[in-house]
N, C-alpha and C. Protein backbone atom coordinates (compact mmCIF):
# COMPACT_ATOMS: atom_id res chain seq x y z
N MET A 1 -14.70 11.40 3.62
CA MET A 1 -13.27 11.13 3.52
C MET A 1 -12.51 12.44 3.43
N GLU A 2 -11.40 12.52 4.16
CA GLU A 2 -10.58 13.72 4.13
C GLU A 2 -10.01 13.97 2.72
N PRO A 3 -9.74 15.24 2.39
CA PRO A 3 -9.18 15.53 1.07
C PRO A 3 -7.83 14.85 0.87
N VAL A 4 -7.58 14.43 -0.37
CA VAL A 4 -6.30 13.81 -0.73
C VAL A 4 -5.69 14.62 -1.86
N LYS A 5 -4.44 15.05 -1.69
CA LYS A 5 -3.74 15.81 -2.72
C LYS A 5 -2.54 15.00 -3.20
N ASN A 6 -2.44 14.82 -4.50
CA ASN A 6 -1.36 14.05 -5.10
C ASN A 6 -0.51 14.96 -5.98
N LEU A 7 0.72 15.25 -5.55
CA LEU A 7 1.62 16.09 -6.32
C LEU A 7 2.46 15.28 -7.32
N LEU A 8 2.14 14.00 -7.42
CA LEU A 8 2.90 13.10 -8.29
C LEU A 8 2.05 12.50 -9.40
N GLU A 9 0.88 13.11 -9.68
CA GLU A 9 -0.08 12.47 -10.56
C GLU A 9 0.43 12.25 -11.98
N ASP A 10 1.50 12.95 -12.38
CA ASP A 10 2.07 12.70 -13.71
C ASP A 10 2.86 11.40 -13.75
N ARG A 11 3.21 10.85 -12.57
CA ARG A 11 3.96 9.60 -12.48
C ARG A 11 3.19 8.50 -11.77
N VAL A 12 2.46 8.88 -10.72
CA VAL A 12 1.81 7.90 -9.85
C VAL A 12 0.36 8.29 -9.62
N ARG A 13 -0.57 7.38 -9.88
CA ARG A 13 -1.96 7.58 -9.49
C ARG A 13 -2.15 6.92 -8.13
N ILE A 14 -2.93 7.54 -7.27
CA ILE A 14 -3.19 7.01 -5.93
C ILE A 14 -4.63 6.53 -5.85
N GLY A 15 -4.79 5.24 -5.64
CA GLY A 15 -6.10 4.69 -5.32
C GLY A 15 -6.25 4.70 -3.81
N PHE A 16 -7.14 5.54 -3.28
CA PHE A 16 -7.23 5.78 -1.83
C PHE A 16 -8.48 5.10 -1.28
N VAL A 17 -8.31 4.36 -0.19
CA VAL A 17 -9.40 3.61 0.43
C VAL A 17 -9.48 3.96 1.91
N ARG A 18 -10.70 4.14 2.41
CA ARG A 18 -10.92 4.33 3.85
C ARG A 18 -11.91 3.29 4.33
N ALA A 19 -11.65 2.73 5.50
CA ALA A 19 -12.59 1.79 6.13
C ALA A 19 -12.78 2.21 7.57
N TYR A 20 -14.02 2.24 8.00
CA TYR A 20 -14.37 2.71 9.35
C TYR A 20 -15.00 1.57 10.15
N GLY A 21 -14.67 1.53 11.44
CA GLY A 21 -15.23 0.48 12.29
C GLY A 21 -14.79 -0.91 11.88
N ILE A 22 -13.53 -1.03 11.50
CA ILE A 22 -13.04 -2.33 11.05
C ILE A 22 -12.83 -3.26 12.23
N ARG A 23 -13.07 -4.53 12.00
CA ARG A 23 -12.90 -5.55 13.04
C ARG A 23 -11.67 -6.39 12.67
N ILE A 24 -10.60 -6.16 13.41
CA ILE A 24 -9.32 -6.82 13.10
C ILE A 24 -9.08 -7.97 14.05
N ILE A 25 -8.75 -9.10 13.48
CA ILE A 25 -8.46 -10.31 14.25
C ILE A 25 -7.02 -10.72 13.96
N GLN A 26 -6.25 -10.98 15.04
CA GLN A 26 -4.89 -11.46 14.85
C GLN A 26 -4.93 -12.87 14.26
N ASP A 27 -4.00 -13.20 13.40
CA ASP A 27 -3.95 -14.51 12.74
C ASP A 27 -5.27 -14.82 12.04
N HIS A 28 -5.89 -13.79 11.50
CA HIS A 28 -7.13 -13.94 10.75
C HIS A 28 -6.90 -14.81 9.52
N HIS A 29 -7.80 -15.72 9.27
CA HIS A 29 -7.68 -16.58 8.08
C HIS A 29 -8.48 -15.96 6.94
N PHE A 30 -7.76 -15.33 6.06
CA PHE A 30 -8.36 -14.78 4.85
C PHE A 30 -9.04 -15.93 4.11
N PRO A 31 -10.19 -15.67 3.42
CA PRO A 31 -10.87 -16.75 2.70
C PRO A 31 -9.88 -17.64 1.95
N ASP A 32 -9.65 -18.83 2.50
CA ASP A 32 -8.52 -19.65 2.07
C ASP A 32 -8.56 -20.06 0.61
N GLU A 33 -9.74 -20.39 0.09
CA GLU A 33 -9.79 -20.85 -1.30
C GLU A 33 -9.32 -19.75 -2.24
N ARG A 34 -9.77 -18.54 -2.00
CA ARG A 34 -9.39 -17.41 -2.84
C ARG A 34 -7.88 -17.16 -2.78
N LEU A 35 -7.34 -17.15 -1.57
CA LEU A 35 -5.91 -16.90 -1.39
C LEU A 35 -5.09 -18.08 -1.90
N ASN A 36 -5.51 -19.30 -1.60
CA ASN A 36 -4.74 -20.46 -2.02
C ASN A 36 -4.63 -20.56 -3.53
N GLN A 37 -5.69 -20.22 -4.23
CA GLN A 37 -5.64 -20.22 -5.69
C GLN A 37 -4.62 -19.20 -6.20
N LEU A 38 -4.61 -18.02 -5.56
CA LEU A 38 -3.66 -16.99 -5.96
C LEU A 38 -2.23 -17.43 -5.66
N LEU A 39 -1.99 -17.99 -4.48
CA LEU A 39 -0.64 -18.42 -4.12
C LEU A 39 -0.15 -19.51 -5.07
N GLU A 40 -1.03 -20.38 -5.48
CA GLU A 40 -0.64 -21.42 -6.43
C GLU A 40 -0.27 -20.79 -7.77
N ARG A 41 -1.04 -19.79 -8.19
CA ARG A 41 -0.76 -19.11 -9.47
C ARG A 41 0.55 -18.36 -9.41
N ARG A 42 0.87 -17.77 -8.27
CA ARG A 42 2.07 -16.97 -8.15
C ARG A 42 3.35 -17.81 -8.04
N LYS A 43 3.21 -19.13 -7.98
CA LYS A 43 4.39 -19.99 -8.05
C LYS A 43 4.91 -20.07 -9.48
N GLN A 44 4.07 -19.67 -10.45
CA GLN A 44 4.44 -19.70 -11.86
C GLN A 44 5.07 -18.37 -12.26
N PRO A 45 5.89 -18.35 -13.31
CA PRO A 45 6.47 -17.09 -13.78
C PRO A 45 5.38 -16.10 -14.18
N LEU A 46 5.67 -14.82 -14.05
CA LEU A 46 4.71 -13.79 -14.46
C LEU A 46 4.54 -13.83 -15.97
N SER A 47 3.36 -13.46 -16.42
CA SER A 47 3.15 -13.31 -17.85
C SER A 47 3.93 -12.09 -18.33
N ALA A 48 4.07 -11.94 -19.63
CA ALA A 48 4.80 -10.79 -20.18
C ALA A 48 4.16 -9.48 -19.75
N ASN A 49 2.82 -9.43 -19.74
CA ASN A 49 2.13 -8.21 -19.35
C ASN A 49 2.30 -7.93 -17.86
N GLU A 50 2.23 -8.98 -17.03
CA GLU A 50 2.42 -8.82 -15.59
C GLU A 50 3.84 -8.32 -15.28
N ASP A 51 4.83 -8.88 -15.98
CA ASP A 51 6.20 -8.45 -15.72
C ASP A 51 6.43 -7.01 -16.18
N ALA A 52 5.77 -6.63 -17.27
CA ALA A 52 5.88 -5.24 -17.73
C ALA A 52 5.26 -4.30 -16.70
N PHE A 53 4.16 -4.72 -16.08
CA PHE A 53 3.53 -3.89 -15.05
C PHE A 53 4.43 -3.80 -13.82
N ARG A 54 5.05 -4.92 -13.44
CA ARG A 54 5.98 -4.91 -12.31
C ARG A 54 7.09 -3.88 -12.55
N LYS A 55 7.63 -3.87 -13.76
CA LYS A 55 8.69 -2.91 -14.09
C LYS A 55 8.15 -1.48 -14.09
N ALA A 56 6.90 -1.30 -14.54
CA ALA A 56 6.30 0.04 -14.54
C ALA A 56 6.15 0.56 -13.11
N CYS A 57 5.85 -0.34 -12.17
CA CYS A 57 5.74 0.07 -10.76
C CYS A 57 7.09 0.52 -10.22
N ARG A 58 8.15 -0.12 -10.65
CA ARG A 58 9.49 0.34 -10.26
C ARG A 58 9.79 1.71 -10.90
N ASP A 59 9.48 1.81 -12.20
CA ASP A 59 9.84 3.03 -12.93
C ASP A 59 9.14 4.26 -12.39
N MET A 60 7.90 4.09 -11.89
CA MET A 60 7.18 5.27 -11.39
C MET A 60 7.87 5.86 -10.16
N MET A 61 8.74 5.07 -9.52
CA MET A 61 9.43 5.51 -8.32
C MET A 61 10.79 6.14 -8.60
N ARG A 62 11.19 6.17 -9.87
CA ARG A 62 12.50 6.74 -10.22
C ARG A 62 12.41 8.27 -10.26
N ILE A 63 12.50 8.84 -9.10
CA ILE A 63 12.41 10.30 -8.96
C ILE A 63 13.72 10.80 -8.35
N GLY A 64 14.34 11.78 -8.99
CA GLY A 64 15.58 12.33 -8.45
C GLY A 64 16.64 11.27 -8.26
N THR A 65 17.14 11.14 -7.04
CA THR A 65 18.21 10.20 -6.74
C THR A 65 17.71 8.81 -6.36
N TYR A 66 16.38 8.64 -6.27
CA TYR A 66 15.86 7.38 -5.74
C TYR A 66 15.95 6.25 -6.77
N LYS A 67 16.47 5.11 -6.32
CA LYS A 67 16.59 3.93 -7.18
C LYS A 67 15.79 2.79 -6.54
N PRO A 68 14.72 2.32 -7.20
CA PRO A 68 13.86 1.28 -6.63
C PRO A 68 14.42 -0.13 -6.84
N THR A 69 15.59 -0.37 -6.28
CA THR A 69 16.23 -1.68 -6.40
C THR A 69 16.65 -2.16 -5.02
N GLY A 70 17.03 -3.43 -4.93
CA GLY A 70 17.47 -3.97 -3.64
C GLY A 70 16.42 -3.77 -2.57
N ARG A 71 16.83 -3.20 -1.43
CA ARG A 71 15.88 -2.98 -0.34
C ARG A 71 14.92 -1.83 -0.63
N GLY A 72 15.17 -1.09 -1.71
CA GLY A 72 14.31 0.03 -2.06
C GLY A 72 13.25 -0.30 -3.09
N LYS A 73 13.07 -1.57 -3.42
CA LYS A 73 12.09 -1.93 -4.44
C LYS A 73 10.68 -1.93 -3.84
N PRO A 74 9.64 -1.90 -4.69
CA PRO A 74 8.27 -1.87 -4.19
C PRO A 74 7.95 -3.07 -3.31
N ALA A 75 7.14 -2.86 -2.28
CA ALA A 75 6.80 -3.92 -1.34
C ALA A 75 6.09 -5.08 -2.02
N SER A 76 5.39 -4.82 -3.12
CA SER A 76 4.70 -5.89 -3.84
C SER A 76 5.67 -6.96 -4.34
N GLU A 77 6.90 -6.57 -4.61
CA GLU A 77 7.89 -7.55 -5.07
C GLU A 77 8.34 -8.47 -3.94
N TYR A 78 8.36 -7.96 -2.71
CA TYR A 78 8.66 -8.81 -1.56
C TYR A 78 7.56 -9.85 -1.38
N LEU A 79 6.32 -9.43 -1.55
CA LEU A 79 5.20 -10.37 -1.42
C LEU A 79 5.25 -11.43 -2.51
N LEU A 80 5.63 -11.02 -3.72
CA LEU A 80 5.73 -11.96 -4.82
C LEU A 80 6.79 -13.02 -4.52
N ARG A 81 7.91 -12.57 -4.00
CA ARG A 81 8.97 -13.52 -3.64
C ARG A 81 8.52 -14.44 -2.52
N ALA A 82 7.85 -13.87 -1.50
CA ALA A 82 7.38 -14.69 -0.38
C ALA A 82 6.40 -15.76 -0.86
N ALA A 83 5.53 -15.40 -1.81
CA ALA A 83 4.57 -16.37 -2.34
C ALA A 83 5.29 -17.48 -3.07
N SER A 84 6.30 -17.15 -3.85
CA SER A 84 7.03 -18.17 -4.61
C SER A 84 7.82 -19.09 -3.69
N GLU A 85 8.18 -18.58 -2.50
CA GLU A 85 8.95 -19.39 -1.54
C GLU A 85 8.04 -20.02 -0.49
N GLU A 86 6.73 -19.91 -0.68
CA GLU A 86 5.73 -20.47 0.24
C GLU A 86 5.91 -19.92 1.65
N SER A 87 6.21 -18.62 1.74
CA SER A 87 6.35 -17.96 3.05
C SER A 87 5.51 -16.69 3.09
N PHE A 88 4.36 -16.71 2.42
CA PHE A 88 3.49 -15.54 2.37
C PHE A 88 3.02 -15.20 3.78
N PRO A 89 3.17 -13.94 4.22
CA PRO A 89 2.86 -13.58 5.61
C PRO A 89 1.36 -13.59 5.91
N ARG A 90 1.01 -14.03 7.12
CA ARG A 90 -0.35 -13.92 7.63
C ARG A 90 -0.26 -13.11 8.91
N ILE A 91 -0.88 -11.93 8.94
CA ILE A 91 -0.68 -10.98 10.03
C ILE A 91 -1.97 -10.71 10.79
N ASN A 92 -2.91 -10.03 10.16
CA ASN A 92 -4.21 -9.76 10.76
C ASN A 92 -5.20 -9.44 9.63
N THR A 93 -6.44 -9.26 10.00
CA THR A 93 -7.50 -9.07 9.01
C THR A 93 -7.15 -8.03 7.95
N ALA A 94 -6.84 -6.82 8.37
CA ALA A 94 -6.59 -5.74 7.43
C ALA A 94 -5.33 -5.97 6.61
N ALA A 95 -4.25 -6.38 7.28
CA ALA A 95 -2.99 -6.60 6.59
C ALA A 95 -3.09 -7.74 5.58
N ASP A 96 -3.85 -8.79 5.93
CA ASP A 96 -3.99 -9.92 5.01
C ASP A 96 -4.75 -9.51 3.75
N ILE A 97 -5.81 -8.71 3.92
CA ILE A 97 -6.56 -8.22 2.76
C ILE A 97 -5.67 -7.35 1.89
N ASN A 98 -4.93 -6.45 2.54
CA ASN A 98 -4.01 -5.57 1.83
C ASN A 98 -3.00 -6.38 1.01
N ASN A 99 -2.38 -7.37 1.65
CA ASN A 99 -1.35 -8.16 0.98
C ASN A 99 -1.92 -9.02 -0.13
N TYR A 100 -3.13 -9.51 0.06
CA TYR A 100 -3.78 -10.28 -1.01
C TYR A 100 -3.98 -9.42 -2.25
N ILE A 101 -4.52 -8.22 -2.07
CA ILE A 101 -4.75 -7.32 -3.21
C ILE A 101 -3.43 -6.97 -3.89
N SER A 102 -2.41 -6.68 -3.10
CA SER A 102 -1.10 -6.32 -3.65
C SER A 102 -0.52 -7.47 -4.47
N LEU A 103 -0.61 -8.68 -3.94
CA LEU A 103 -0.08 -9.84 -4.67
C LEU A 103 -0.90 -10.16 -5.91
N ALA A 104 -2.22 -10.02 -5.80
CA ALA A 104 -3.09 -10.34 -6.94
C ALA A 104 -2.86 -9.39 -8.10
N TRP A 105 -2.69 -8.09 -7.79
CA TRP A 105 -2.60 -7.08 -8.84
C TRP A 105 -1.17 -6.58 -9.07
N LEU A 106 -0.23 -7.02 -8.21
CA LEU A 106 1.20 -6.72 -8.36
C LEU A 106 1.54 -5.24 -8.19
N ALA A 107 0.72 -4.52 -7.45
CA ALA A 107 0.97 -3.10 -7.18
C ALA A 107 1.30 -2.92 -5.70
N PRO A 108 2.24 -2.03 -5.37
CA PRO A 108 2.51 -1.76 -3.96
C PRO A 108 1.36 -1.00 -3.31
N ILE A 109 1.06 -1.34 -2.06
CA ILE A 109 -0.05 -0.73 -1.34
C ILE A 109 0.39 -0.43 0.09
N SER A 110 0.04 0.73 0.59
CA SER A 110 0.28 1.08 1.99
C SER A 110 -1.02 0.95 2.78
N LEU A 111 -0.89 0.58 4.04
CA LEU A 111 -2.05 0.43 4.94
C LEU A 111 -1.67 1.03 6.28
N TRP A 112 -2.57 1.84 6.87
CA TRP A 112 -2.23 2.42 8.17
C TRP A 112 -3.47 2.74 9.00
N ASP A 113 -3.22 2.84 10.31
CA ASP A 113 -4.25 3.18 11.30
C ASP A 113 -4.34 4.71 11.35
N THR A 114 -5.47 5.25 10.91
CA THR A 114 -5.59 6.71 10.79
C THR A 114 -5.77 7.40 12.14
N ASP A 115 -6.14 6.66 13.19
CA ASP A 115 -6.30 7.26 14.51
C ASP A 115 -4.95 7.50 15.19
N ARG A 116 -3.91 6.86 14.68
CA ARG A 116 -2.59 6.99 15.31
C ARG A 116 -1.79 8.16 14.76
N GLU A 117 -2.29 8.79 13.71
CA GLU A 117 -1.71 10.03 13.20
C GLU A 117 -2.85 10.82 12.58
N PRO A 118 -3.65 11.50 13.41
CA PRO A 118 -4.83 12.22 12.91
C PRO A 118 -4.47 13.21 11.81
N ALA A 119 -5.39 13.37 10.86
CA ALA A 119 -5.11 14.25 9.73
C ALA A 119 -6.37 14.99 9.29
N ASP A 120 -6.16 16.23 8.83
CA ASP A 120 -7.23 16.98 8.17
C ASP A 120 -7.29 16.62 6.69
N SER A 121 -6.11 16.20 6.16
CA SER A 121 -6.01 15.83 4.75
C SER A 121 -4.78 14.95 4.57
N TRP A 122 -4.62 14.42 3.36
CA TRP A 122 -3.49 13.55 3.05
C TRP A 122 -2.76 14.12 1.84
N LEU A 123 -1.43 14.03 1.86
CA LEU A 123 -0.61 14.57 0.79
C LEU A 123 0.39 13.53 0.32
N PHE A 124 0.51 13.39 -1.01
CA PHE A 124 1.51 12.49 -1.58
C PHE A 124 2.48 13.32 -2.42
N ARG A 125 3.77 13.20 -2.07
CA ARG A 125 4.82 13.95 -2.76
C ARG A 125 6.14 13.22 -2.56
N PRO A 126 7.21 13.63 -3.29
CA PRO A 126 8.52 13.05 -3.00
C PRO A 126 9.03 13.53 -1.64
N GLY A 127 9.67 12.65 -0.91
CA GLY A 127 10.25 13.06 0.35
C GLY A 127 11.43 13.98 0.13
N LYS A 128 11.70 14.80 1.14
CA LYS A 128 12.80 15.76 1.06
C LYS A 128 14.00 15.26 1.87
N ALA A 129 15.17 15.85 1.59
CA ALA A 129 16.38 15.51 2.33
C ALA A 129 16.14 15.70 3.82
N GLY A 130 16.51 14.70 4.60
CA GLY A 130 16.35 14.78 6.05
C GLY A 130 15.06 14.18 6.57
N GLU A 131 14.08 13.97 5.69
CA GLU A 131 12.82 13.35 6.14
C GLU A 131 13.02 11.83 6.24
N GLU A 132 12.46 11.25 7.28
CA GLU A 132 12.57 9.81 7.51
C GLU A 132 11.51 9.40 8.51
N PHE A 133 11.33 8.08 8.66
CA PHE A 133 10.52 7.56 9.76
C PHE A 133 11.01 6.17 10.16
N VAL A 134 10.63 5.76 11.37
CA VAL A 134 10.94 4.41 11.88
C VAL A 134 9.95 3.44 11.25
N PHE A 135 10.45 2.30 10.73
CA PHE A 135 9.55 1.38 10.04
C PHE A 135 9.42 0.00 10.68
N ASN A 136 10.16 -0.25 11.77
CA ASN A 136 10.00 -1.55 12.43
C ASN A 136 10.20 -1.41 13.93
N PRO A 137 9.85 -2.46 14.71
CA PRO A 137 9.91 -2.36 16.17
C PRO A 137 11.32 -2.12 16.71
N SER A 138 12.35 -2.48 15.94
CA SER A 138 13.72 -2.31 16.43
C SER A 138 14.24 -0.90 16.23
N GLY A 139 13.43 -0.02 15.61
CA GLY A 139 13.80 1.38 15.49
C GLY A 139 14.57 1.75 14.23
N GLN A 140 14.63 0.85 13.26
CA GLN A 140 15.30 1.18 12.00
C GLN A 140 14.52 2.26 11.25
N THR A 141 15.26 3.14 10.58
CA THR A 141 14.63 4.23 9.84
C THR A 141 14.85 4.07 8.34
N ILE A 142 13.98 4.69 7.57
CA ILE A 142 14.11 4.73 6.12
C ILE A 142 14.21 6.19 5.69
N SER A 143 15.19 6.50 4.86
CA SER A 143 15.31 7.85 4.31
C SER A 143 14.24 8.04 3.24
N LEU A 144 13.56 9.17 3.28
CA LEU A 144 12.47 9.42 2.35
C LEU A 144 12.87 10.34 1.20
N GLN A 145 14.13 10.72 1.12
CA GLN A 145 14.55 11.64 0.07
C GLN A 145 14.23 11.09 -1.32
N ASP A 146 13.43 11.83 -2.07
CA ASP A 146 13.00 11.50 -3.43
C ASP A 146 12.12 10.25 -3.52
N LEU A 147 11.74 9.68 -2.39
CA LEU A 147 10.87 8.51 -2.37
C LEU A 147 9.41 8.96 -2.34
N VAL A 148 8.57 8.33 -3.13
CA VAL A 148 7.13 8.60 -3.09
C VAL A 148 6.63 8.40 -1.65
N THR A 149 6.05 9.43 -1.06
CA THR A 149 5.69 9.38 0.36
C THR A 149 4.31 9.97 0.59
N GLY A 150 3.54 9.32 1.47
CA GLY A 150 2.25 9.84 1.89
C GLY A 150 2.37 10.50 3.25
N PHE A 151 1.80 11.70 3.37
CA PHE A 151 1.88 12.48 4.60
C PHE A 151 0.50 12.70 5.19
N ALA A 152 0.41 12.60 6.52
CA ALA A 152 -0.77 13.06 7.25
C ALA A 152 -0.60 14.55 7.50
N VAL A 153 -1.58 15.35 7.09
CA VAL A 153 -1.49 16.80 7.25
C VAL A 153 -2.50 17.24 8.31
N LYS A 154 -1.98 17.84 9.38
CA LYS A 154 -2.83 18.30 10.48
C LYS A 154 -2.40 19.70 10.87
N ASP A 155 -3.33 20.67 10.75
CA ASP A 155 -3.03 22.07 11.07
C ASP A 155 -1.78 22.56 10.34
N GLY A 156 -1.63 22.13 9.09
CA GLY A 156 -0.53 22.56 8.26
C GLY A 156 0.76 21.77 8.43
N LYS A 157 0.85 20.91 9.44
CA LYS A 157 2.04 20.10 9.66
C LYS A 157 1.96 18.81 8.87
N GLU A 158 3.02 18.49 8.13
CA GLU A 158 3.08 17.28 7.31
C GLU A 158 3.91 16.21 8.01
N THR A 159 3.27 15.08 8.34
CA THR A 159 3.97 13.98 9.01
C THR A 159 4.00 12.77 8.08
N PRO A 160 5.19 12.29 7.70
CA PRO A 160 5.25 11.14 6.79
C PRO A 160 4.79 9.86 7.46
N VAL A 161 3.97 9.09 6.76
CA VAL A 161 3.46 7.85 7.35
C VAL A 161 3.62 6.62 6.45
N VAL A 162 3.66 6.80 5.12
CA VAL A 162 3.68 5.63 4.24
C VAL A 162 4.52 5.87 2.98
N THR A 163 5.01 4.77 2.41
CA THR A 163 5.68 4.78 1.11
C THR A 163 5.36 3.46 0.41
N PRO A 164 5.67 3.34 -0.88
CA PRO A 164 5.46 2.05 -1.57
C PRO A 164 6.43 0.97 -1.13
N VAL A 165 7.42 1.34 -0.31
CA VAL A 165 8.44 0.38 0.12
C VAL A 165 8.16 -0.12 1.54
N LYS A 166 8.05 0.80 2.47
CA LYS A 166 7.77 0.48 3.87
C LYS A 166 6.87 1.55 4.46
N ASP A 167 6.15 1.19 5.52
CA ASP A 167 5.26 2.13 6.18
C ASP A 167 5.75 2.39 7.61
N CYS A 168 5.27 3.47 8.17
CA CYS A 168 5.70 3.91 9.50
C CYS A 168 5.24 2.92 10.58
N GLN A 169 6.15 2.57 11.48
CA GLN A 169 5.82 1.64 12.56
C GLN A 169 4.70 2.18 13.44
N GLN A 170 4.71 3.48 13.70
CA GLN A 170 3.74 4.09 14.61
C GLN A 170 2.30 3.89 14.17
N THR A 171 2.06 3.83 12.86
CA THR A 171 0.68 3.79 12.37
C THR A 171 0.27 2.41 11.84
N LYS A 172 1.05 1.38 12.13
CA LYS A 172 0.69 0.04 11.66
C LYS A 172 -0.54 -0.47 12.41
N THR A 173 -1.29 -1.34 11.77
CA THR A 173 -2.54 -1.84 12.33
C THR A 173 -2.31 -2.98 13.31
N ASP A 174 -3.24 -3.10 14.27
CA ASP A 174 -3.27 -4.25 15.18
C ASP A 174 -4.71 -4.45 15.61
N THR A 175 -4.94 -5.29 16.60
CA THR A 175 -6.30 -5.63 16.99
C THR A 175 -7.05 -4.46 17.63
N GLU A 176 -6.35 -3.39 18.02
CA GLU A 176 -6.99 -2.21 18.58
C GLU A 176 -7.45 -1.23 17.49
N THR A 177 -7.01 -1.44 16.27
CA THR A 177 -7.32 -0.53 15.16
C THR A 177 -8.81 -0.56 14.83
N ARG A 178 -9.39 0.62 14.60
CA ARG A 178 -10.80 0.71 14.23
C ARG A 178 -11.02 1.45 12.91
N ASN A 179 -10.08 2.31 12.52
CA ASN A 179 -10.24 3.08 11.28
C ASN A 179 -8.93 3.05 10.51
N ILE A 180 -9.02 2.74 9.23
CA ILE A 180 -7.80 2.59 8.43
C ILE A 180 -7.90 3.35 7.12
N ALA A 181 -6.74 3.56 6.53
CA ALA A 181 -6.66 4.04 5.15
C ALA A 181 -5.66 3.16 4.41
N ALA A 182 -5.80 3.10 3.10
CA ALA A 182 -4.86 2.38 2.26
C ALA A 182 -4.63 3.18 1.00
N ALA A 183 -3.42 3.11 0.48
CA ALA A 183 -3.06 3.81 -0.75
C ALA A 183 -2.46 2.82 -1.73
N ILE A 184 -3.11 2.66 -2.88
CA ILE A 184 -2.56 1.86 -3.97
C ILE A 184 -1.73 2.78 -4.85
N TYR A 185 -0.49 2.40 -5.11
CA TYR A 185 0.39 3.19 -5.97
C TYR A 185 0.36 2.58 -7.37
N TYR A 186 -0.12 3.35 -8.34
CA TYR A 186 -0.37 2.81 -9.68
C TYR A 186 0.34 3.68 -10.71
N PRO A 187 1.12 3.09 -11.61
CA PRO A 187 1.87 3.89 -12.58
C PRO A 187 0.97 4.68 -13.52
N ALA A 188 1.11 5.99 -13.51
CA ALA A 188 0.32 6.85 -14.39
C ALA A 188 0.68 6.55 -15.84
N GLY A 189 -0.33 6.54 -16.69
CA GLY A 189 -0.08 6.29 -18.10
C GLY A 189 0.00 4.82 -18.47
N TRP A 190 -0.13 3.92 -17.52
CA TRP A 190 -0.14 2.49 -17.84
C TRP A 190 -1.31 2.21 -18.77
N ALA A 191 -1.07 1.40 -19.78
CA ALA A 191 -2.07 1.19 -20.84
C ALA A 191 -3.41 0.69 -20.31
N ASP A 192 -3.37 -0.09 -19.22
CA ASP A 192 -4.60 -0.65 -18.68
C ASP A 192 -5.05 0.11 -17.43
N GLU A 193 -4.97 1.43 -17.46
CA GLU A 193 -5.28 2.22 -16.28
C GLU A 193 -6.66 1.95 -15.67
N PRO A 194 -7.69 1.62 -16.47
CA PRO A 194 -8.98 1.31 -15.83
C PRO A 194 -8.90 0.18 -14.82
N VAL A 195 -7.83 -0.63 -14.88
CA VAL A 195 -7.67 -1.71 -13.92
C VAL A 195 -7.64 -1.19 -12.49
N LEU A 196 -7.18 0.04 -12.29
CA LEU A 196 -7.15 0.61 -10.94
C LEU A 196 -8.54 0.65 -10.34
N ASP A 197 -9.56 0.91 -11.13
CA ASP A 197 -10.94 0.87 -10.63
C ASP A 197 -11.29 -0.53 -10.13
N ASP A 198 -10.86 -1.56 -10.87
CA ASP A 198 -11.14 -2.94 -10.47
C ASP A 198 -10.42 -3.29 -9.17
N MET A 199 -9.19 -2.80 -9.03
CA MET A 199 -8.45 -3.04 -7.80
C MET A 199 -9.17 -2.43 -6.60
N LEU A 200 -9.59 -1.18 -6.76
CA LEU A 200 -10.32 -0.53 -5.67
C LEU A 200 -11.62 -1.26 -5.36
N GLY A 201 -12.27 -1.75 -6.41
CA GLY A 201 -13.53 -2.47 -6.21
C GLY A 201 -13.35 -3.73 -5.39
N GLU A 202 -12.33 -4.52 -5.70
CA GLU A 202 -12.10 -5.75 -4.94
C GLU A 202 -11.63 -5.44 -3.52
N PHE A 203 -10.80 -4.43 -3.39
CA PHE A 203 -10.30 -4.03 -2.07
C PHE A 203 -11.46 -3.61 -1.17
N THR A 204 -12.30 -2.71 -1.64
CA THR A 204 -13.41 -2.23 -0.82
C THR A 204 -14.42 -3.34 -0.55
N GLU A 205 -14.60 -4.25 -1.50
CA GLU A 205 -15.50 -5.39 -1.29
C GLU A 205 -15.05 -6.22 -0.09
N LEU A 206 -13.76 -6.53 -0.04
CA LEU A 206 -13.23 -7.35 1.05
C LEU A 206 -13.24 -6.60 2.37
N LEU A 207 -12.89 -5.31 2.35
CA LEU A 207 -12.90 -4.52 3.58
C LEU A 207 -14.32 -4.33 4.11
N HIS A 208 -15.28 -4.20 3.20
CA HIS A 208 -16.67 -3.98 3.62
C HIS A 208 -17.20 -5.16 4.44
N GLU A 209 -16.68 -6.36 4.18
CA GLU A 209 -17.12 -7.54 4.92
C GLU A 209 -16.70 -7.50 6.38
N VAL A 210 -15.68 -6.69 6.71
CA VAL A 210 -15.17 -6.66 8.09
C VAL A 210 -15.19 -5.26 8.69
N SER A 211 -15.94 -4.34 8.08
CA SER A 211 -16.01 -2.97 8.61
C SER A 211 -17.42 -2.42 8.45
N ASP A 212 -17.67 -1.29 9.07
CA ASP A 212 -19.01 -0.69 9.02
C ASP A 212 -19.25 0.11 7.74
N ARG A 213 -18.18 0.73 7.23
CA ARG A 213 -18.35 1.61 6.07
C ARG A 213 -17.02 1.77 5.35
N THR A 214 -17.08 1.87 4.01
CA THR A 214 -15.86 2.08 3.24
C THR A 214 -16.09 3.20 2.23
N GLU A 215 -14.99 3.86 1.86
CA GLU A 215 -14.99 4.89 0.83
C GLU A 215 -13.75 4.72 -0.02
N SER A 216 -13.80 5.16 -1.27
CA SER A 216 -12.59 5.09 -2.10
C SER A 216 -12.63 6.15 -3.19
N GLY A 217 -11.47 6.43 -3.76
CA GLY A 217 -11.36 7.38 -4.85
C GLY A 217 -10.00 7.29 -5.49
N ILE A 218 -9.85 7.88 -6.67
CA ILE A 218 -8.58 7.89 -7.38
C ILE A 218 -8.08 9.32 -7.48
N PHE A 219 -6.80 9.51 -7.18
CA PHE A 219 -6.23 10.86 -7.14
C PHE A 219 -4.92 10.90 -7.93
């Protein structure tokens, strides 16, 4: 696995996952019993501890001028709302696994095709003024200023590809994808920090079923 550098470790821990030789199927049916049980549970209000964790995920993103509210809130909150409204997205093998883990553990997670932006290493830092990327097919952009951002670093050049809110359109997965990475954004100092190990364990377990090899680490 390529080196991962986290310049935000005092606020955000990064659970990093790599999967190689993944087999992606469009409209893949994630193990329905497992997902259906989770979707049923997510129709209920969050427990006090779950809601505190949700707020901690927002707070870890309060850097500089960035406010994690409205359209700038963590992607995990969109999934939570979709589950409560019975509109949970089903996209493809990798995206479904990613979204299941995010909904189950209530942490924002990025997923991307690593062949579409080759890297010698990965860097996580706040975005700078003027940095942005396109996040959907219609060409809409997101400003990365002060937003937690993951960069692909190649020959010293830093290219932004992911955030806890939205990911770059160019590196999104599809049926042609063979190698992926994922980043779990976890609030540093959260009382139950060992839970991040459990999240990585379940994530790699599910990815291993549809890929040749997986790796993970915490940064």
